[in-house]
Amino acid sequence: MSADTRVLSAATVVPGAVGILGGTFDPVHVGHLAIAEEAREQLGLERVLFIPAPDAPLRSGPAAASPVHRARMVELAVRGNPFFAVDPVEMGRRGPTFTVDTLEILATRECAAGRQPDLWFILSAEQLRKLPQWRTPERLLELCRIAVVPRPDTEMPGRTWVESQFPGCADRIVPLEGPLLPVSGTAIRARLRAGRSVRYLVPDAVIAYIEHHGLYRP
């Protein structure tokens, strides 16, 4: 029996629709780029903002590379894609940065530009299960809709789970069809520490930057 090769058609672009992909990007890799592109096409996003976080409140330890290095690597990674941009909205804030605060800023910015905010926060299925632990998740769901990316090792939360956690908000959370790419920053850092190649896992410009600055080495 042949494999199912059906592919969804790209959605019509929705004027003003903005995707938001945040994270420590330690380092940014091809999985991040593929996720952003898939969300852009499936949801008809006009643009996708990559928002590097100086610190992540729920992360178990500090980032391996400095915020400046991580932001610069994201800039190099998205260069050449006219639909992608890096937004430094979190970089100037001290202490842990919370997604709901960032969304408040972005929504206010859209209103000031004369646009009705149409924000999509891109999140993995694994992180969606942690959403109840985030700061004021109910307010977050008022400010944006959530596009959920599947993970090979995580079951996609269904509508029943969403309704149990956030009553009345099931339509605010939309699962994406893909991509299923088992690439992680943890694995990439481990390969770099071991002197292994990360070619085809990380954009070439980012690899050159890592080598030039000696990042992630013992």
N, C-alpha and C. Protein backbone atom coordinates (compact mmCIF):
# COMPACT_ATOMS: atom_id res chain seq x y z
N MET A 1 0.86 -1.19 0.00
CA MET A 1 0.00 0.00 0.00
C MET A 1 0.89 1.23 0.00
N SER A 2 0.59 2.20 -0.85
CA SER A 2 1.43 3.39 -0.93
C SER A 2 1.16 4.31 0.24
N ALA A 3 2.17 5.12 0.57
CA ALA A 3 2.03 6.07 1.68
C ALA A 3 1.08 7.19 1.28
N ASP A 4 0.41 7.75 2.27
CA ASP A 4 -0.50 8.86 2.04
C ASP A 4 0.33 10.11 1.81
N THR A 5 0.26 10.68 0.61
CA THR A 5 1.07 11.85 0.29
C THR A 5 0.22 13.10 0.11
N ARG A 6 -0.98 13.09 0.66
CA ARG A 6 -1.85 14.26 0.54
C ARG A 6 -1.24 15.45 1.26
N VAL A 7 -1.33 16.63 0.63
CA VAL A 7 -0.80 17.85 1.20
C VAL A 7 -1.88 18.91 1.16
N LEU A 8 -2.08 19.60 2.27
CA LEU A 8 -3.06 20.67 2.31
C LEU A 8 -2.63 21.83 1.43
N SER A 9 -3.58 22.46 0.77
CA SER A 9 -3.28 23.67 0.01
C SER A 9 -3.00 24.82 0.96
N ALA A 10 -2.17 25.74 0.51
CA ALA A 10 -1.88 26.91 1.34
C ALA A 10 -3.13 27.76 1.48
N ALA A 11 -3.33 28.29 2.68
CA ALA A 11 -4.49 29.14 2.93
C ALA A 11 -4.29 30.50 2.28
N THR A 12 -5.39 31.17 1.98
CA THR A 12 -5.33 32.53 1.47
C THR A 12 -4.78 33.44 2.55
N VAL A 13 -3.89 34.33 2.16
CA VAL A 13 -3.27 35.22 3.14
C VAL A 13 -4.33 36.15 3.74
N VAL A 14 -4.33 36.23 5.05
CA VAL A 14 -5.25 37.11 5.78
C VAL A 14 -4.52 38.40 6.10
N PRO A 15 -4.92 39.53 5.53
CA PRO A 15 -4.22 40.78 5.80
C PRO A 15 -4.18 41.08 7.30
N GLY A 16 -2.99 41.36 7.80
CA GLY A 16 -2.82 41.71 9.21
C GLY A 16 -2.62 40.55 10.14
N ALA A 17 -2.73 39.31 9.64
CA ALA A 17 -2.54 38.14 10.50
C ALA A 17 -1.05 37.94 10.78
N VAL A 18 -0.71 37.87 12.05
CA VAL A 18 0.69 37.80 12.46
C VAL A 18 0.93 36.56 13.31
N GLY A 19 1.92 35.76 12.91
CA GLY A 19 2.33 34.63 13.72
C GLY A 19 3.46 35.04 14.65
N ILE A 20 3.50 34.43 15.82
CA ILE A 20 4.51 34.75 16.82
C ILE A 20 5.17 33.46 17.27
N LEU A 21 6.47 33.37 17.06
CA LEU A 21 7.24 32.21 17.49
C LEU A 21 8.30 32.68 18.46
N GLY A 22 8.08 32.40 19.73
CA GLY A 22 9.02 32.83 20.75
C GLY A 22 9.84 31.66 21.27
N GLY A 23 10.90 31.98 21.98
CA GLY A 23 11.72 30.93 22.56
C GLY A 23 13.11 31.43 22.87
N THR A 24 13.91 30.56 23.47
CA THR A 24 15.30 30.95 23.74
C THR A 24 16.16 30.81 22.48
N PHE A 25 15.76 29.94 21.55
CA PHE A 25 16.52 29.75 20.31
C PHE A 25 18.00 29.54 20.63
N ASP A 26 18.27 28.42 21.30
CA ASP A 26 19.61 28.19 21.86
C ASP A 26 20.24 26.90 21.34
N PRO A 27 20.57 26.81 20.04
CA PRO A 27 20.45 27.85 19.00
C PRO A 27 19.21 27.63 18.15
N VAL A 28 18.91 28.62 17.30
CA VAL A 28 17.85 28.47 16.31
C VAL A 28 18.24 27.35 15.36
N HIS A 29 17.27 26.55 14.91
CA HIS A 29 17.57 25.44 14.01
C HIS A 29 16.49 25.31 12.93
N VAL A 30 16.68 24.34 12.04
CA VAL A 30 15.76 24.21 10.90
C VAL A 30 14.35 23.85 11.34
N GLY A 31 14.21 23.21 12.50
CA GLY A 31 12.87 22.92 13.00
C GLY A 31 12.08 24.18 13.26
N HIS A 32 12.71 25.19 13.85
CA HIS A 32 12.03 26.46 14.10
C HIS A 32 11.55 27.08 12.78
N LEU A 33 12.42 27.06 11.78
CA LEU A 33 12.09 27.68 10.50
C LEU A 33 10.96 26.92 9.80
N ALA A 34 11.02 25.60 9.85
CA ALA A 34 9.98 24.79 9.21
C ALA A 34 8.63 24.99 9.89
N ILE A 35 8.63 25.08 11.21
CA ILE A 35 7.39 25.31 11.96
C ILE A 35 6.77 26.65 11.57
N ALA A 36 7.61 27.69 11.52
CA ALA A 36 7.11 29.02 11.17
C ALA A 36 6.54 29.05 9.76
N GLU A 37 7.21 28.38 8.83
CA GLU A 37 6.74 28.37 7.44
C GLU A 37 5.44 27.59 7.31
N GLU A 38 5.34 26.47 8.03
CA GLU A 38 4.11 25.67 7.98
C GLU A 38 2.93 26.45 8.55
N ALA A 39 3.14 27.12 9.67
CA ALA A 39 2.08 27.93 10.26
C ALA A 39 1.67 29.06 9.32
N ARG A 40 2.66 29.68 8.70
CA ARG A 40 2.36 30.78 7.77
C ARG A 40 1.45 30.30 6.64
N GLU A 41 1.76 29.14 6.07
CA GLU A 41 0.97 28.65 4.94
C GLU A 41 -0.39 28.12 5.37
N GLN A 42 -0.43 27.36 6.46
CA GLN A 42 -1.71 26.77 6.88
C GLN A 42 -2.71 27.82 7.37
N LEU A 43 -2.21 28.86 8.02
CA LEU A 43 -3.10 29.85 8.63
C LEU A 43 -3.25 31.11 7.78
N GLY A 44 -2.49 31.22 6.70
CA GLY A 44 -2.56 32.41 5.87
C GLY A 44 -1.99 33.64 6.55
N LEU A 45 -0.89 33.45 7.27
CA LEU A 45 -0.28 34.57 8.00
C LEU A 45 0.42 35.52 7.04
N GLU A 46 0.29 36.79 7.32
CA GLU A 46 0.96 37.79 6.50
C GLU A 46 2.45 37.84 6.83
N ARG A 47 2.79 37.58 8.08
CA ARG A 47 4.19 37.56 8.50
C ARG A 47 4.32 36.75 9.78
N VAL A 48 5.54 36.34 10.08
CA VAL A 48 5.83 35.62 11.32
C VAL A 48 6.96 36.34 12.04
N LEU A 49 6.73 36.67 13.30
CA LEU A 49 7.74 37.33 14.12
C LEU A 49 8.44 36.30 15.01
N PHE A 50 9.75 36.26 14.93
CA PHE A 50 10.55 35.45 15.83
C PHE A 50 10.95 36.35 17.00
N ILE A 51 10.62 35.91 18.22
CA ILE A 51 10.88 36.74 19.40
C ILE A 51 11.81 36.00 20.35
N PRO A 52 13.12 36.30 20.29
CA PRO A 52 14.06 35.66 21.22
C PRO A 52 13.81 36.14 22.65
N ALA A 53 13.82 35.21 23.57
CA ALA A 53 13.62 35.53 24.99
C ALA A 53 14.97 35.59 25.70
N PRO A 54 15.23 36.64 26.46
CA PRO A 54 16.47 36.68 27.23
C PRO A 54 16.50 35.63 28.32
N ASP A 55 15.32 35.25 28.80
CA ASP A 55 15.20 34.24 29.85
C ASP A 55 13.81 33.63 29.75
N ALA A 56 13.72 32.33 30.00
CA ALA A 56 12.42 31.65 29.96
C ALA A 56 12.04 31.23 31.37
N PRO A 57 10.89 31.70 31.91
CA PRO A 57 10.52 31.42 33.30
C PRO A 57 10.43 29.95 33.65
N LEU A 58 9.99 29.10 32.70
CA LEU A 58 9.79 27.68 33.01
C LEU A 58 10.95 26.80 32.58
N ARG A 59 12.00 27.39 32.08
CA ARG A 59 13.16 26.60 31.66
C ARG A 59 13.92 26.14 32.89
N SER A 60 14.47 24.92 32.84
CA SER A 60 15.13 24.34 34.01
C SER A 60 16.47 24.97 34.33
N GLY A 61 17.11 25.60 33.37
CA GLY A 61 18.42 26.21 33.61
C GLY A 61 18.63 27.38 32.67
N PRO A 62 19.73 28.12 32.86
CA PRO A 62 20.00 29.27 31.99
C PRO A 62 20.37 28.84 30.58
N ALA A 63 20.17 29.76 29.64
CA ALA A 63 20.56 29.48 28.26
C ALA A 63 22.07 29.33 28.17
N ALA A 64 22.53 28.52 27.21
CA ALA A 64 23.96 28.28 27.05
C ALA A 64 24.66 29.46 26.38
N ALA A 65 23.98 30.14 25.48
CA ALA A 65 24.53 31.31 24.79
C ALA A 65 23.85 32.57 25.30
N SER A 66 24.53 33.69 25.20
CA SER A 66 23.99 34.96 25.70
C SER A 66 22.81 35.41 24.85
N PRO A 67 21.96 36.28 25.39
CA PRO A 67 20.83 36.79 24.61
C PRO A 67 21.27 37.47 23.31
N VAL A 68 22.38 38.20 23.37
CA VAL A 68 22.86 38.89 22.17
C VAL A 68 23.23 37.89 21.09
N HIS A 69 23.96 36.84 21.45
CA HIS A 69 24.34 35.82 20.48
C HIS A 69 23.11 35.12 19.92
N ARG A 70 22.16 34.78 20.77
CA ARG A 70 20.99 34.04 20.31
C ARG A 70 20.13 34.88 19.37
N ALA A 71 19.98 36.17 19.68
CA ALA A 71 19.21 37.06 18.81
C ALA A 71 19.90 37.22 17.46
N ARG A 72 21.20 37.34 17.48
CA ARG A 72 21.94 37.50 16.22
C ARG A 72 21.81 36.25 15.35
N MET A 73 21.85 35.07 15.98
CA MET A 73 21.70 33.84 15.21
C MET A 73 20.32 33.75 14.56
N VAL A 74 19.29 34.21 15.26
CA VAL A 74 17.95 34.19 14.67
C VAL A 74 17.89 35.15 13.48
N GLU A 75 18.51 36.31 13.61
CA GLU A 75 18.54 37.25 12.50
C GLU A 75 19.18 36.63 11.26
N LEU A 76 20.28 35.90 11.47
CA LEU A 76 20.95 35.24 10.36
C LEU A 76 20.08 34.13 9.76
N ALA A 77 19.35 33.43 10.61
CA ALA A 77 18.53 32.30 10.16
C ALA A 77 17.36 32.74 9.29
N VAL A 78 16.75 33.88 9.62
CA VAL A 78 15.54 34.29 8.89
C VAL A 78 15.86 35.19 7.70
N ARG A 79 17.12 35.58 7.59
CA ARG A 79 17.51 36.44 6.47
C ARG A 79 17.19 35.75 5.14
N GLY A 80 16.57 36.47 4.25
CA GLY A 80 16.24 35.90 2.95
C GLY A 80 14.79 35.47 2.84
N ASN A 81 14.07 35.38 3.96
CA ASN A 81 12.65 35.06 3.90
C ASN A 81 11.86 36.35 4.14
N PRO A 82 11.19 36.89 3.12
CA PRO A 82 10.51 38.18 3.27
C PRO A 82 9.33 38.16 4.23
N PHE A 83 8.88 36.95 4.61
CA PHE A 83 7.73 36.84 5.51
C PHE A 83 8.16 36.72 6.97
N PHE A 84 9.44 36.55 7.22
CA PHE A 84 9.96 36.38 8.58
C PHE A 84 10.67 37.65 9.04
N ALA A 85 10.58 37.93 10.33
CA ALA A 85 11.30 39.05 10.92
C ALA A 85 11.61 38.73 12.38
N VAL A 86 12.63 39.36 12.90
CA VAL A 86 12.99 39.22 14.31
C VAL A 86 12.48 40.46 15.04
N ASP A 87 11.78 40.25 16.13
CA ASP A 87 11.28 41.37 16.93
C ASP A 87 11.98 41.33 18.29
N PRO A 88 12.73 42.37 18.63
CA PRO A 88 13.47 42.39 19.91
C PRO A 88 12.65 42.87 21.09
N VAL A 89 11.33 42.71 21.02
CA VAL A 89 10.44 43.27 22.05
C VAL A 89 10.79 42.80 23.45
N GLU A 90 11.32 41.58 23.59
CA GLU A 90 11.62 41.06 24.94
C GLU A 90 13.06 41.31 25.37
N MET A 91 13.91 41.68 24.45
CA MET A 91 15.33 41.73 24.75
C MET A 91 15.72 42.84 25.74
N GLY A 92 14.95 43.91 25.77
CA GLY A 92 15.29 45.01 26.66
C GLY A 92 14.69 44.91 28.05
N ARG A 93 13.92 43.85 28.30
CA ARG A 93 13.26 43.71 29.60
C ARG A 93 14.12 42.89 30.55
N ARG A 94 14.15 43.30 31.79
CA ARG A 94 14.95 42.62 32.80
C ARG A 94 14.14 41.52 33.48
N GLY A 95 14.86 40.48 33.90
CA GLY A 95 14.20 39.39 34.60
C GLY A 95 13.44 38.50 33.64
N PRO A 96 12.68 37.54 34.17
CA PRO A 96 11.92 36.63 33.31
C PRO A 96 10.91 37.38 32.45
N THR A 97 10.75 36.94 31.23
CA THR A 97 9.76 37.54 30.33
C THR A 97 8.57 36.60 30.21
N PHE A 98 7.38 37.17 30.29
CA PHE A 98 6.16 36.38 30.23
C PHE A 98 5.43 36.66 28.93
N THR A 99 4.96 35.59 28.30
CA THR A 99 4.34 35.69 26.98
C THR A 99 3.14 36.64 26.99
N VAL A 100 2.35 36.60 28.04
CA VAL A 100 1.16 37.45 28.07
C VAL A 100 1.54 38.93 28.03
N ASP A 101 2.65 39.30 28.67
CA ASP A 101 3.10 40.69 28.63
C ASP A 101 3.54 41.08 27.22
N THR A 102 4.24 40.16 26.56
CA THR A 102 4.67 40.42 25.19
C THR A 102 3.48 40.59 24.27
N LEU A 103 2.47 39.75 24.44
CA LEU A 103 1.27 39.86 23.59
C LEU A 103 0.52 41.16 23.83
N GLU A 104 0.50 41.61 25.06
CA GLU A 104 -0.12 42.91 25.36
C GLU A 104 0.58 44.02 24.57
N ILE A 105 1.91 43.98 24.55
CA ILE A 105 2.68 44.99 23.83
C ILE A 105 2.39 44.91 22.33
N LEU A 106 2.40 43.70 21.79
CA LEU A 106 2.17 43.54 20.36
C LEU A 106 0.75 43.96 19.96
N ALA A 107 -0.22 43.62 20.79
CA ALA A 107 -1.60 44.02 20.49
C ALA A 107 -1.76 45.54 20.53
N THR A 108 -1.13 46.17 21.51
CA THR A 108 -1.17 47.63 21.61
C THR A 108 -0.51 48.27 20.40
N ARG A 109 0.58 47.68 19.97
CA ARG A 109 1.30 48.19 18.79
C ARG A 109 0.43 48.10 17.54
N GLU A 110 -0.28 46.99 17.38
CA GLU A 110 -1.16 46.83 16.22
C GLU A 110 -2.28 47.87 16.24
N CYS A 111 -2.85 48.07 17.41
CA CYS A 111 -3.93 49.07 17.52
C CYS A 111 -3.42 50.47 17.20
N ALA A 112 -2.21 50.79 17.66
CA ALA A 112 -1.63 52.11 17.41
C ALA A 112 -1.38 52.32 15.92
N ALA A 113 -1.16 51.23 15.19
CA ALA A 113 -0.94 51.32 13.74
C ALA A 113 -2.25 51.31 12.97
N GLY A 114 -3.37 51.29 13.69
CA GLY A 114 -4.67 51.33 13.04
C GLY A 114 -5.16 49.98 12.55
N ARG A 115 -4.59 48.90 13.12
CA ARG A 115 -4.99 47.55 12.72
C ARG A 115 -5.64 46.82 13.88
N GLN A 116 -6.66 46.03 13.57
CA GLN A 116 -7.25 45.16 14.58
C GLN A 116 -6.29 44.00 14.83
N PRO A 117 -5.84 43.79 16.06
CA PRO A 117 -4.87 42.71 16.30
C PRO A 117 -5.41 41.35 15.88
N ASP A 118 -4.62 40.63 15.09
CA ASP A 118 -4.95 39.27 14.66
C ASP A 118 -3.69 38.44 14.89
N LEU A 119 -3.48 38.04 16.14
CA LEU A 119 -2.24 37.40 16.56
C LEU A 119 -2.42 35.90 16.72
N TRP A 120 -1.44 35.16 16.23
CA TRP A 120 -1.38 33.71 16.39
C TRP A 120 -0.09 33.35 17.11
N PHE A 121 -0.21 32.74 18.27
CA PHE A 121 0.98 32.30 18.99
C PHE A 121 1.24 30.84 18.63
N ILE A 122 2.44 30.55 18.16
CA ILE A 122 2.80 29.20 17.69
C ILE A 122 3.45 28.44 18.83
N LEU A 123 2.87 27.29 19.15
CA LEU A 123 3.26 26.55 20.35
C LEU A 123 3.29 25.06 20.05
N SER A 124 4.22 24.33 20.66
CA SER A 124 4.26 22.88 20.47
C SER A 124 3.20 22.20 21.33
N ALA A 125 2.83 20.98 20.96
CA ALA A 125 1.86 20.22 21.74
C ALA A 125 2.36 20.01 23.16
N GLU A 126 3.66 19.81 23.31
CA GLU A 126 4.25 19.63 24.64
C GLU A 126 4.06 20.86 25.50
N GLN A 127 4.31 22.04 24.92
CA GLN A 127 4.16 23.28 25.68
C GLN A 127 2.70 23.63 25.93
N LEU A 128 1.81 23.22 25.03
CA LEU A 128 0.39 23.48 25.27
C LEU A 128 -0.07 22.83 26.56
N ARG A 129 0.41 21.63 26.84
CA ARG A 129 0.02 20.94 28.08
C ARG A 129 0.50 21.69 29.32
N LYS A 130 1.53 22.53 29.16
CA LYS A 130 2.04 23.32 30.28
C LYS A 130 1.37 24.68 30.38
N LEU A 131 0.52 25.01 29.41
CA LEU A 131 -0.08 26.34 29.37
C LEU A 131 -0.82 26.71 30.66
N PRO A 132 -1.51 25.79 31.34
CA PRO A 132 -2.17 26.17 32.59
C PRO A 132 -1.20 26.71 33.65
N GLN A 133 0.10 26.41 33.53
CA GLN A 133 1.09 26.90 34.49
C GLN A 133 1.59 28.29 34.14
N TRP A 134 1.27 28.78 32.95
CA TRP A 134 1.79 30.07 32.52
C TRP A 134 1.07 31.20 33.25
N ARG A 135 1.63 32.36 33.19
CA ARG A 135 1.00 33.53 33.81
C ARG A 135 -0.26 33.91 33.04
N THR A 136 -1.37 34.04 33.74
CA THR A 136 -2.68 34.43 33.23
C THR A 136 -2.96 33.89 31.82
N PRO A 137 -3.03 32.56 31.68
CA PRO A 137 -3.28 31.99 30.36
C PRO A 137 -4.64 32.39 29.77
N GLU A 138 -5.61 32.68 30.64
CA GLU A 138 -6.92 33.10 30.14
C GLU A 138 -6.80 34.43 29.38
N ARG A 139 -6.01 35.35 29.93
CA ARG A 139 -5.79 36.62 29.25
C ARG A 139 -5.02 36.40 27.96
N LEU A 140 -4.06 35.49 27.98
CA LEU A 140 -3.30 35.17 26.78
C LEU A 140 -4.23 34.73 25.65
N LEU A 141 -5.22 33.90 25.99
CA LEU A 141 -6.15 33.40 24.97
C LEU A 141 -7.12 34.49 24.50
N GLU A 142 -7.27 35.55 25.27
CA GLU A 142 -8.05 36.69 24.81
C GLU A 142 -7.26 37.50 23.78
N LEU A 143 -5.94 37.54 23.97
CA LEU A 143 -5.09 38.36 23.12
C LEU A 143 -4.71 37.69 21.80
N CYS A 144 -4.75 36.37 21.77
CA CYS A 144 -4.31 35.66 20.56
C CYS A 144 -5.02 34.32 20.43
N ARG A 145 -4.90 33.75 19.25
CA ARG A 145 -5.23 32.34 19.06
C ARG A 145 -3.93 31.56 19.08
N ILE A 146 -4.03 30.28 19.35
CA ILE A 146 -2.83 29.45 19.46
C ILE A 146 -2.82 28.40 18.35
N ALA A 147 -1.70 28.34 17.64
CA ALA A 147 -1.48 27.30 16.63
C ALA A 147 -0.57 26.26 17.25
N VAL A 148 -1.03 25.02 17.30
CA VAL A 148 -0.31 23.97 18.01
C VAL A 148 0.42 23.07 17.02
N VAL A 149 1.72 22.96 17.22
CA VAL A 149 2.57 22.14 16.35
C VAL A 149 2.70 20.74 16.96
N PRO A 150 2.47 19.69 16.18
CA PRO A 150 2.62 18.34 16.73
C PRO A 150 4.06 18.01 17.07
N ARG A 151 4.23 17.11 18.04
CA ARG A 151 5.54 16.60 18.41
C ARG A 151 5.52 15.08 18.28
N PRO A 152 6.60 14.47 17.76
CA PRO A 152 6.60 13.02 17.58
C PRO A 152 6.38 12.25 18.88
N ASP A 153 6.81 12.81 20.00
CA ASP A 153 6.76 12.10 21.28
C ASP A 153 5.66 12.59 22.21
N THR A 154 4.74 13.42 21.69
CA THR A 154 3.69 14.00 22.54
C THR A 154 2.33 13.88 21.86
N GLU A 155 1.35 13.36 22.57
CA GLU A 155 0.00 13.27 22.03
C GLU A 155 -0.61 14.66 21.95
N MET A 156 -1.23 14.96 20.84
CA MET A 156 -1.85 16.27 20.67
C MET A 156 -3.07 16.40 21.59
N PRO A 157 -3.09 17.39 22.48
CA PRO A 157 -4.27 17.57 23.35
C PRO A 157 -5.52 17.80 22.51
N GLY A 158 -6.59 17.11 22.86
CA GLY A 158 -7.83 17.22 22.11
C GLY A 158 -8.73 18.32 22.65
N ARG A 159 -9.88 18.48 22.00
CA ARG A 159 -10.83 19.52 22.37
C ARG A 159 -11.34 19.34 23.80
N THR A 160 -11.51 18.07 24.22
CA THR A 160 -12.00 17.81 25.58
C THR A 160 -11.02 18.33 26.62
N TRP A 161 -9.72 18.09 26.38
CA TRP A 161 -8.70 18.59 27.32
C TRP A 161 -8.71 20.12 27.36
N VAL A 162 -8.78 20.75 26.18
CA VAL A 162 -8.78 22.21 26.13
C VAL A 162 -9.97 22.77 26.90
N GLU A 163 -11.16 22.19 26.69
CA GLU A 163 -12.35 22.69 27.37
C GLU A 163 -12.26 22.50 28.88
N SER A 164 -11.60 21.41 29.31
CA SER A 164 -11.47 21.18 30.75
C SER A 164 -10.54 22.19 31.40
N GLN A 165 -9.56 22.65 30.65
CA GLN A 165 -8.59 23.61 31.19
C GLN A 165 -9.02 25.06 30.97
N PHE A 166 -9.62 25.32 29.81
CA PHE A 166 -9.99 26.68 29.44
C PHE A 166 -11.41 26.67 28.84
N PRO A 167 -12.41 26.59 29.69
CA PRO A 167 -13.79 26.49 29.20
C PRO A 167 -14.14 27.61 28.22
N GLY A 168 -14.75 27.20 27.10
CA GLY A 168 -15.18 28.17 26.11
C GLY A 168 -14.10 28.64 25.15
N CYS A 169 -12.89 28.08 25.28
CA CYS A 169 -11.77 28.55 24.47
C CYS A 169 -11.28 27.54 23.44
N ALA A 170 -12.02 26.46 23.25
CA ALA A 170 -11.54 25.41 22.34
C ALA A 170 -11.32 25.95 20.93
N ASP A 171 -12.14 26.88 20.48
CA ASP A 171 -11.98 27.41 19.13
C ASP A 171 -10.79 28.36 19.01
N ARG A 172 -10.18 28.73 20.14
CA ARG A 172 -9.02 29.61 20.12
C ARG A 172 -7.72 28.83 19.94
N ILE A 173 -7.80 27.51 19.98
CA ILE A 173 -6.61 26.66 19.88
C ILE A 173 -6.78 25.74 18.68
N VAL A 174 -5.88 25.88 17.70
CA VAL A 174 -6.00 25.18 16.42
C VAL A 174 -4.77 24.30 16.20
N PRO A 175 -4.96 22.99 16.00
CA PRO A 175 -3.82 22.11 15.72
C PRO A 175 -3.35 22.26 14.27
N LEU A 176 -2.04 22.24 14.08
CA LEU A 176 -1.46 22.26 12.74
C LEU A 176 -1.21 20.82 12.27
N GLU A 177 -1.11 20.64 10.97
CA GLU A 177 -0.89 19.32 10.40
C GLU A 177 0.56 18.84 10.57
N GLY A 178 1.47 19.74 10.76
CA GLY A 178 2.89 19.36 10.84
C GLY A 178 3.71 20.62 11.05
N PRO A 179 5.01 20.53 10.89
CA PRO A 179 5.77 19.34 10.49
C PRO A 179 6.22 18.53 11.70
N LEU A 180 6.50 17.25 11.47
CA LEU A 180 7.02 16.39 12.53
C LEU A 180 8.53 16.27 12.36
N LEU A 181 9.25 17.16 12.98
CA LEU A 181 10.71 17.18 12.87
C LEU A 181 11.33 17.00 14.25
N PRO A 182 11.93 15.85 14.52
CA PRO A 182 12.52 15.61 15.84
C PRO A 182 13.87 16.27 16.00
N VAL A 183 13.88 17.60 15.93
CA VAL A 183 15.11 18.38 16.09
C VAL A 183 14.96 19.21 17.35
N SER A 184 15.98 19.24 18.18
CA SER A 184 15.90 20.01 19.42
C SER A 184 17.21 20.73 19.68
N GLY A 185 17.11 21.87 20.36
CA GLY A 185 18.30 22.61 20.74
C GLY A 185 19.19 21.80 21.66
N THR A 186 18.57 21.00 22.54
CA THR A 186 19.35 20.17 23.47
C THR A 186 20.25 19.21 22.71
N ALA A 187 19.68 18.53 21.71
CA ALA A 187 20.46 17.58 20.92
C ALA A 187 21.55 18.27 20.12
N ILE A 188 21.24 19.44 19.58
CA ILE A 188 22.22 20.18 18.79
C ILE A 188 23.38 20.64 19.67
N ARG A 189 23.08 21.14 20.86
CA ARG A 189 24.16 21.56 21.77
C ARG A 189 25.04 20.37 22.15
N ALA A 190 24.41 19.20 22.36
CA ALA A 190 25.18 18.00 22.71
C ALA A 190 26.12 17.60 21.58
N ARG A 191 25.64 17.70 20.34
CA ARG A 191 26.48 17.37 19.19
C ARG A 191 27.65 18.34 19.09
N LEU A 192 27.39 19.60 19.30
CA LEU A 192 28.46 20.59 19.22
C LEU A 192 29.50 20.38 20.32
N ARG A 193 29.05 20.06 21.52
CA ARG A 193 30.00 19.80 22.61
C ARG A 193 30.87 18.58 22.31
N ALA A 194 30.30 17.62 21.57
CA ALA A 194 31.03 16.41 21.24
C ALA A 194 31.86 16.56 19.97
N GLY A 195 31.83 17.76 19.37
CA GLY A 195 32.59 17.99 18.16
C GLY A 195 31.94 17.41 16.92
N ARG A 196 30.64 17.11 16.99
CA ARG A 196 29.91 16.52 15.86
C ARG A 196 29.36 17.61 14.95
N SER A 197 29.07 17.22 13.72
CA SER A 197 28.51 18.15 12.75
C SER A 197 27.03 18.40 13.04
N VAL A 198 26.59 19.64 12.80
CA VAL A 198 25.15 19.98 12.88
C VAL A 198 24.68 20.50 11.53
N ARG A 199 25.42 20.18 10.49
CA ARG A 199 25.02 20.58 9.15
C ARG A 199 23.68 19.93 8.80
N TYR A 200 22.84 20.70 8.14
CA TYR A 200 21.48 20.30 7.76
C TYR A 200 20.51 20.29 8.95
N LEU A 201 21.01 20.55 10.15
CA LEU A 201 20.15 20.73 11.32
C LEU A 201 20.05 22.21 11.68
N VAL A 202 21.07 22.96 11.33
CA VAL A 202 21.17 24.39 11.64
C VAL A 202 21.54 25.12 10.34
N PRO A 203 20.96 26.29 10.08
CA PRO A 203 21.31 27.03 8.87
C PRO A 203 22.82 27.29 8.79
N ASP A 204 23.35 27.28 7.58
CA ASP A 204 24.79 27.44 7.40
C ASP A 204 25.32 28.73 8.02
N ALA A 205 24.55 29.83 7.87
CA ALA A 205 25.01 31.10 8.43
C ALA A 205 25.11 31.04 9.95
N VAL A 206 24.22 30.28 10.56
CA VAL A 206 24.25 30.13 12.02
C VAL A 206 25.43 29.25 12.44
N ILE A 207 25.71 28.20 11.68
CA ILE A 207 26.87 27.36 11.97
C ILE A 207 28.15 28.18 11.91
N ALA A 208 28.26 29.03 10.89
CA ALA A 208 29.45 29.87 10.76
C ALA A 208 29.58 30.81 11.96
N TYR A 209 28.46 31.33 12.42
CA TYR A 209 28.47 32.24 13.58
C TYR A 209 28.90 31.48 14.84
N ILE A 210 28.36 30.28 15.03
CA ILE A 210 28.72 29.46 16.19
C ILE A 210 30.21 29.16 16.20
N GLU A 211 30.74 28.80 15.03
CA GLU A 211 32.17 28.49 14.94
C GLU A 211 33.02 29.72 15.17
N HIS A 212 32.62 30.85 14.62
CA HIS A 212 33.40 32.09 14.77
C HIS A 212 33.49 32.52 16.22
N HIS A 213 32.39 32.34 16.97
CA HIS A 213 32.36 32.81 18.36
C HIS A 213 32.65 31.69 19.36
N GLY A 214 32.89 30.48 18.87
CA GLY A 214 33.21 29.38 19.77
C GLY A 214 32.10 29.03 20.73
N LEU A 215 30.85 29.09 20.26
CA LEU A 215 29.70 28.81 21.13
C LEU A 215 29.48 27.31 21.30
N TYR A 216 28.94 26.95 22.43
CA TYR A 216 28.52 25.58 22.75
C TYR A 216 29.68 24.58 22.78
N ARG A 217 30.89 25.06 22.92
CA ARG A 217 32.03 24.18 23.00
C ARG A 217 32.34 23.89 24.47
N PRO A 218 33.07 22.80 24.77
CA PRO A 218 33.41 22.51 26.18
C PRO A 218 34.21 23.66 26.80
